Amino acid sequence: MPPAGSLTDDQLRFFDANGYLVLESFSSAEDVKGMRDRMAELVDGFDGVNSSVFSTKDHRQVKDDYFFKSAENISFFFEEKAFEDDGSLKQPKELSINKVGHALHEHDHVFKNFAFSENVSSLFSSLCYKRPAVIQSMYIFKQPGIGGEVVPHQDNTFLYTEPQSCTGLWLALEDATKTNGCLWAIPGSHKSRLFPQNYLM
């Protein structure tokens, strides 16, 4: 039997035509719990001093030194409107963070084990990657009551290469539905041209 992450011919054809593929139960319940528990530990240990606010609409953050250095660190980003006018959080820290990134796969053993697991490596082997490299990793929260809208966008405009060579893997660590913030995709849109980052907003 091939490794669990290997794709069948039918799955490869679907992915090529649509640009996305849903794989049920990609990781074990134990692995999922391990990542959720580890993130809870990381958030608990975060003092909130060095941080930034993440927004999909306001791109001034990409010039922010904290955001720039997050490529090589485990960095914490708060939700839009997470703070009161006096700088205090409107709700507890663990309910105010938008995401943690972008080098979990380099600096944390739990997320590194997932990123370099046999499931992941066999998945990208199925996609004909010869020497795949993890360029970023992040843990995204969907917090109740606060946060900015995630506007329609193309990930390739943020991770641009020539030729296009990046494939995103999103692992839902709890059931993702239309009511709690699931991922949406436009079938076949990966074959259209790239639009400016603010074109779809």
Protein backbone atom coordinates (compact mmCIF):
# COMPACT_ATOMS: atom_id res chain seq x y z
CA MET A 1 0.00 0.00 0.00
CA PRO A 2 1.29 3.54 -0.78
CA PRO A 3 1.73 6.01 2.09
CA ALA A 4 -1.50 7.54 3.36
CA GLY A 5 -0.75 10.91 1.77
CA SER A 6 -0.26 9.55 -1.75
CA LEU A 7 -2.84 10.75 -4.27
CA THR A 8 -4.73 8.53 -6.68
CA ASP A 9 -4.96 9.25 -10.41
CA ASP A 10 -8.54 10.49 -9.95
CA GLN A 11 -7.46 12.85 -7.16
CA LEU A 12 -4.60 14.19 -9.26
CA ARG A 13 -6.95 14.86 -12.18
CA PHE A 14 -9.41 16.65 -9.90
CA PHE A 15 -6.64 18.76 -8.39
CA ASP A 16 -5.28 19.70 -11.81
CA ALA A 17 -8.74 20.72 -13.07
CA ASN A 18 -9.96 22.56 -9.97
CA GLY A 19 -6.86 23.76 -8.15
CA TYR A 20 -7.92 22.29 -4.82
CA LEU A 21 -8.54 18.88 -3.29
CA VAL A 22 -10.22 17.90 -0.02
CA LEU A 23 -8.62 14.96 1.81
CA GLU A 24 -10.67 13.59 4.69
CA SER A 25 -8.83 12.45 7.83
CA PHE A 26 -5.41 13.42 6.49
CA SER A 27 -3.88 13.32 9.96
CA SER A 28 -4.67 11.16 12.97
CA ALA A 29 -6.80 12.43 15.84
CA GLU A 30 -3.70 12.10 18.02
CA ASP A 31 -1.64 14.36 15.72
CA VAL A 32 -4.44 16.93 15.54
CA LYS A 33 -4.78 17.00 19.33
CA GLY A 34 -1.01 17.30 19.65
CA MET A 35 -0.90 20.40 17.46
CA ARG A 36 -3.87 22.02 19.19
CA ASP A 37 -2.42 21.35 22.62
CA ARG A 38 1.00 22.63 21.58
CA MET A 39 -0.47 25.86 20.21
CA ALA A 40 -2.35 26.38 23.46
CA GLU A 41 1.01 26.13 25.25
CA LEU A 42 2.63 28.61 22.87
CA VAL A 43 -0.19 31.12 23.28
CA ASP A 44 -0.14 30.70 27.04
CA GLY A 45 3.58 31.51 27.07
CA PHE A 46 3.19 34.55 24.81
CA ASP A 47 3.47 37.77 26.83
CA GLY A 48 1.84 39.98 24.19
CA VAL A 49 4.64 42.56 24.23
CA ASN A 50 6.18 41.97 20.80
CA SER A 51 3.35 41.48 18.34
CA SER A 52 1.43 43.01 15.46
CA VAL A 53 -2.11 43.15 14.05
CA PHE A 54 -2.87 41.08 10.95
CA SER A 55 -5.23 42.32 8.27
CA THR A 56 -6.04 41.06 4.79
CA LYS A 57 -7.16 44.56 3.77
CA ASP A 58 -4.42 46.78 5.18
CA HIS A 59 -1.11 45.82 3.56
CA ARG A 60 0.97 48.41 5.40
CA GLN A 61 1.95 45.58 7.74
CA VAL A 62 4.25 44.04 5.11
CA LYS A 63 6.58 46.98 5.75
CA ASP A 64 6.44 46.31 9.48
CA ASP A 65 9.72 44.94 10.84
CA TYR A 66 7.91 42.45 13.08
CA PHE A 67 5.97 41.05 10.12
CA PHE A 68 9.09 40.89 7.95
CA LYS A 69 11.09 39.00 10.57
CA SER A 70 8.24 36.56 11.18
CA ALA A 71 9.49 34.56 8.19
CA GLU A 72 12.24 33.24 10.43
CA ASN A 73 10.44 33.20 13.78
CA ILE A 74 7.35 32.09 15.63
CA SER A 75 5.42 35.38 15.72
CA PHE A 76 1.98 36.27 17.06
CA PHE A 77 -0.53 38.47 15.22
CA PHE A 78 -3.65 39.91 16.83
CA GLU A 79 -7.05 40.29 15.22
CA GLU A 80 -8.25 43.61 13.89
CA LYS A 81 -10.16 45.53 16.58
CA ALA A 82 -8.71 43.31 19.31
CA PHE A 83 -7.69 46.34 21.39
CA GLU A 84 -9.52 49.05 23.26
CA ASP A 85 -8.55 52.69 22.70
CA ASP A 86 -6.31 52.51 25.76
CA GLY A 87 -4.36 49.57 24.31
CA SER A 88 -5.90 46.85 26.48
CA LEU A 89 -7.37 43.72 24.96
CA LYS A 90 -11.15 43.58 24.58
CA GLN A 91 -11.20 39.88 25.45
CA PRO A 92 -8.73 37.25 26.70
CA LYS A 93 -5.45 36.83 24.83
CA GLU A 94 -6.31 33.36 23.57
CA LEU A 95 -9.49 34.76 21.96
CA SER A 96 -7.71 37.75 20.38
CA ILE A 97 -4.99 36.19 18.21
CA ASN A 98 -5.51 35.96 14.47
CA LYS A 99 -2.58 33.70 13.63
CA VAL A 100 0.86 32.47 14.64
CA GLY A 101 3.58 32.17 12.00
CA HIS A 102 5.57 31.87 9.88
CA ALA A 103 8.31 29.43 10.86
CA LEU A 104 6.57 26.94 13.12
CA HIS A 105 8.01 24.17 10.96
CA GLU A 106 11.54 25.31 11.81
CA HIS A 107 11.34 26.21 15.49
CA ASP A 108 8.74 23.96 17.11
CA HIS A 109 9.15 20.19 17.31
CA VAL A 110 5.41 19.35 17.12
CA PHE A 111 4.77 21.37 13.97
CA LYS A 112 8.08 20.33 12.46
CA ASN A 113 7.10 16.67 12.88
CA PHE A 114 3.88 17.32 10.98
CA ALA A 115 5.48 19.40 8.22
CA PHE A 116 8.07 16.72 7.51
CA SER A 117 5.85 13.70 8.12
CA GLU A 118 5.50 10.82 5.67
CA ASN A 119 1.94 11.90 4.88
CA VAL A 120 3.07 15.35 3.77
CA SER A 121 6.16 14.19 1.89
CA SER A 122 4.23 11.48 0.01
CA LEU A 123 1.53 14.01 -0.90
CA PHE A 124 4.05 16.30 -2.57
CA SER A 125 5.81 13.36 -4.20
CA SER A 126 2.45 12.54 -5.78
CA LEU A 127 2.43 16.09 -7.17
CA CYS A 128 5.85 15.43 -8.76
CA TYR A 129 7.85 17.68 -6.44
CA LYS A 130 11.45 16.45 -6.53
CA ARG A 131 12.89 18.44 -3.64
CA PRO A 132 9.96 20.13 -1.88
CA ALA A 133 10.78 22.81 0.69
CA VAL A 134 8.51 24.29 3.35
CA ILE A 135 8.66 28.05 2.90
CA GLN A 136 6.20 29.10 5.59
CA SER A 137 3.84 27.68 8.15
CA MET A 138 1.11 29.28 10.19
CA TYR A 139 -1.62 28.42 12.65
CA ILE A 140 -4.78 30.39 11.88
CA PHE A 141 -7.54 31.02 14.41
CA LYS A 142 -11.18 31.85 13.69
CA GLN A 143 -12.08 33.85 16.76
CA PRO A 144 -15.70 34.49 17.80
CA GLY A 145 -16.95 38.04 17.85
CA ILE A 146 -13.91 39.92 16.55
CA GLY A 147 -11.60 39.99 13.56
CA GLY A 148 -11.58 41.37 10.06
CA GLU A 149 -13.06 39.81 6.97
CA VAL A 150 -10.74 37.56 4.98
CA VAL A 151 -11.38 39.05 1.56
CA PRO A 152 -11.14 37.06 -1.71
CA HIS A 153 -7.51 36.75 -2.75
CA GLN A 154 -4.98 34.63 -4.64
CA ASP A 155 -2.25 33.15 -2.47
CA ASN A 156 0.15 33.24 -5.43
CA THR A 157 0.27 37.03 -5.25
CA PHE A 158 1.79 36.74 -1.76
CA LEU A 159 4.12 33.81 -2.55
CA TYR A 160 5.05 34.64 -6.12
CA THR A 161 7.56 32.52 -8.04
CA GLU A 162 8.45 32.13 -11.72
CA PRO A 163 7.41 29.59 -12.80
CA GLN A 164 4.64 29.11 -10.25
CA SER A 165 5.90 26.45 -7.86
CA CYS A 166 4.06 26.78 -4.54
CA THR A 167 1.28 24.52 -3.32
CA GLY A 168 -0.60 25.28 -0.11
CA LEU A 169 -1.66 22.64 2.39
CA TRP A 170 -4.38 23.63 4.86
CA LEU A 171 -5.17 21.25 7.71
CA ALA A 172 -8.44 21.82 9.58
CA LEU A 173 -7.81 21.08 13.26
CA GLU A 174 -11.54 21.09 13.98
CA ASP A 175 -14.60 20.60 11.78
CA ALA A 176 -14.70 23.48 9.28
CA THR A 177 -18.19 24.57 8.19
CA LYS A 178 -19.85 27.50 6.49
CA THR A 179 -20.82 28.90 9.88
CA ASN A 180 -17.43 28.76 11.61
CA GLY A 181 -14.99 29.95 8.96
CA CYS A 182 -14.25 27.25 6.40
CA LEU A 183 -11.92 27.74 3.45
CA TRP A 184 -13.53 28.69 0.12
CA ALA A 185 -12.09 28.17 -3.37
CA ILE A 186 -13.17 29.05 -6.91
CA PRO A 187 -12.76 25.89 -9.04
CA GLY A 188 -10.27 26.40 -11.85
CA SER A 189 -9.18 29.85 -10.69
CA HIS A 190 -5.57 28.65 -10.42
CA LYS A 191 -5.44 28.69 -14.22
CA SER A 192 -6.50 32.32 -14.52
CA ARG A 193 -4.09 35.23 -14.54
CA LEU A 194 -2.77 36.74 -11.33
CA PHE A 195 -4.54 39.90 -10.22
CA PRO A 196 -3.00 42.73 -8.15
CA GLN A 197 -3.32 42.06 -4.40
CA ASN A 198 -6.05 44.66 -3.92
CA TYR A 199 -7.99 43.86 -7.12
CA LEU A 200 -10.42 41.40 -5.53
CA MET A 201 -11.01 43.38 -2.35
